[in-house]
Amino acid sequence: MPKMRIYKEFKFDSAHWLPNVPLEHKCANMHGHTYIIEIHVEDELDPNLGWVLDYTDLKNAVKPLIQQLDHRVLNEIEGLENPTAEHIALWFWNQIKPNLSQLSQVVVKENPTNVCIYSGE
């Protein structure tokens, strides 16, 4: 069967600051983003069901994580003390991959032009 990739987008609003940048850097101050997260999975097309993964299963794997972050200060979340887009991508990967082996990529968009893509090590 052919291998295919699907993804689902999720959105959450959170505040953060970057604690390791110089004090004069604008991101040293508390600020917020409306994050868009893409969770990509890749696998062989199931010949019977006709899909890679049920989108509902993908949503159920990610929704609790979104609920942990939405309208929160990311710096207060374990593992996100320095909540760069890169660390957010790794956080999602590490939370999802153990339960969703088909995970192939996490995309974090702080805004339409600031994007981080992580595809595993």
Protein backbone atom coordinates (compact mmCIF):
# COMPACT_ATOMS: atom_id res chain seq x y z
CA MET A 1 0.00 0.00 0.00
CA PRO A 2 1.21 3.55 -0.62
CA LYS A 3 2.55 5.64 2.23
CA MET A 4 0.69 8.87 2.84
CA ARG A 5 0.91 11.82 5.18
CA ILE A 6 -2.01 13.60 6.77
CA TYR A 7 -2.08 16.44 9.25
CA LYS A 8 -4.44 18.35 11.46
CA GLU A 9 -4.14 21.95 12.64
CA PHE A 10 -4.74 23.06 16.20
CA LYS A 11 -4.83 26.57 17.65
CA PHE A 12 -4.20 27.97 21.10
CA ASP A 13 -3.50 31.37 22.67
CA SER A 14 -0.74 31.67 25.24
CA ALA A 15 1.60 34.17 26.82
CA HIS A 16 5.31 33.69 27.36
CA TRP A 17 8.65 35.40 27.64
CA LEU A 18 12.08 34.14 26.70
CA PRO A 19 14.19 34.05 29.87
CA ASN A 20 17.56 33.47 28.18
CA VAL A 21 17.63 36.42 25.77
CA PRO A 22 19.29 39.73 26.70
CA LEU A 23 17.08 41.97 28.83
CA GLU A 24 16.85 44.55 26.03
CA HIS A 25 15.45 41.94 23.60
CA LYS A 26 11.72 42.48 23.04
CA CYS A 27 10.98 38.81 23.75
CA ALA A 28 12.37 39.17 27.27
CA ASN A 29 9.03 40.84 28.04
CA MET A 30 5.81 38.94 28.56
CA HIS A 31 3.85 38.79 25.30
CA GLY A 32 1.38 36.50 23.60
CA HIS A 33 0.80 34.55 20.43
CA THR A 34 -2.02 32.73 18.75
CA TYR A 35 -0.14 29.56 17.94
CA ILE A 36 -1.05 27.26 15.08
CA ILE A 37 0.25 23.74 15.53
CA GLU A 38 0.25 21.16 12.74
CA ILE A 39 0.55 17.53 13.74
CA HIS A 40 1.58 15.33 10.80
CA VAL A 41 1.35 11.55 10.72
CA GLU A 42 2.61 9.21 8.03
CA ASP A 43 1.83 5.58 7.45
CA GLU A 44 0.69 3.11 4.84
CA LEU A 45 -2.83 3.57 3.58
CA ASP A 46 -5.09 1.05 5.30
CA PRO A 47 -6.52 -1.01 2.43
CA ASN A 48 -9.78 -1.69 4.25
CA LEU A 49 -10.50 1.68 5.88
CA GLY A 50 -8.93 3.76 3.12
CA TRP A 51 -7.08 6.12 5.44
CA VAL A 52 -3.78 6.59 7.25
CA LEU A 53 -5.39 7.40 10.60
CA ASP A 54 -8.82 8.49 11.72
CA TYR A 55 -8.71 12.29 12.15
CA THR A 56 -10.70 11.83 15.36
CA ASP A 57 -7.90 9.68 16.80
CA LEU A 58 -5.41 12.38 15.87
CA LYS A 59 -7.57 15.05 17.50
CA ASN A 60 -7.97 12.96 20.65
CA ALA A 61 -4.19 12.52 20.93
CA VAL A 62 -3.52 16.27 20.73
CA LYS A 63 -6.54 17.98 22.28
CA PRO A 64 -5.50 17.38 25.94
CA LEU A 65 -2.13 19.03 25.19
CA ILE A 66 -3.80 22.05 23.62
CA GLN A 67 -6.02 22.34 26.70
CA GLN A 68 -2.90 22.38 28.92
CA LEU A 69 -1.46 25.34 26.99
CA ASP A 70 -4.46 27.42 25.96
CA HIS A 71 -4.71 30.73 27.82
CA ARG A 72 -1.76 29.84 30.00
CA VAL A 73 1.70 31.23 30.58
CA LEU A 74 3.91 28.73 28.79
CA ASN A 75 6.88 29.35 31.09
CA GLU A 76 4.84 27.77 33.90
CA ILE A 77 4.41 24.47 32.03
CA GLU A 78 6.91 21.73 32.87
CA GLY A 79 9.32 21.39 29.96
CA LEU A 80 8.51 24.84 28.56
CA GLU A 81 10.44 27.05 30.95
CA ASN A 82 12.20 28.52 27.90
CA PRO A 83 9.25 28.41 25.47
CA THR A 84 10.84 29.08 22.11
CA ALA A 85 9.01 27.73 19.06
CA GLU A 86 11.72 25.05 18.91
CA HIS A 87 11.09 23.93 22.49
CA ILE A 88 7.33 23.96 21.91
CA ALA A 89 7.80 21.68 18.87
CA LEU A 90 9.96 19.30 20.93
CA TRP A 91 7.44 19.36 23.80
CA PHE A 92 4.60 18.35 21.47
CA TRP A 93 6.76 15.66 19.85
CA ASN A 94 7.80 14.16 23.20
CA GLN A 95 4.21 14.17 24.47
CA ILE A 96 2.67 12.65 21.33
CA LYS A 97 5.25 10.23 19.88
CA PRO A 98 5.03 7.56 22.64
CA ASN A 99 1.29 7.14 21.97
CA LEU A 100 1.23 7.83 18.23
CA SER A 101 4.03 6.00 16.46
CA GLN A 102 2.97 7.41 13.07
CA LEU A 103 3.91 10.95 14.15
CA SER A 104 6.20 12.35 11.45
CA GLN A 105 6.33 16.10 11.95
CA VAL A 106 5.32 18.90 14.30
CA VAL A 107 4.98 22.43 12.91
CA VAL A 108 4.74 25.40 15.29
CA LYS A 109 3.64 28.77 13.92
CA GLU A 110 3.98 31.72 16.29
CA ASN A 111 2.58 33.85 13.50
CA PRO A 112 2.32 33.42 9.72
CA THR A 113 6.03 34.11 9.17
CA ASN A 114 7.73 32.59 12.25
CA VAL A 115 7.60 28.82 11.84
CA CYS A 116 9.50 25.89 13.35
CA ILE A 117 9.36 22.39 11.87
CA TYR A 118 10.53 19.31 13.76
CA SER A 119 10.62 15.84 12.20
CA GLY A 120 12.32 13.82 14.92
CA GLU A 121 15.97 13.20 15.52
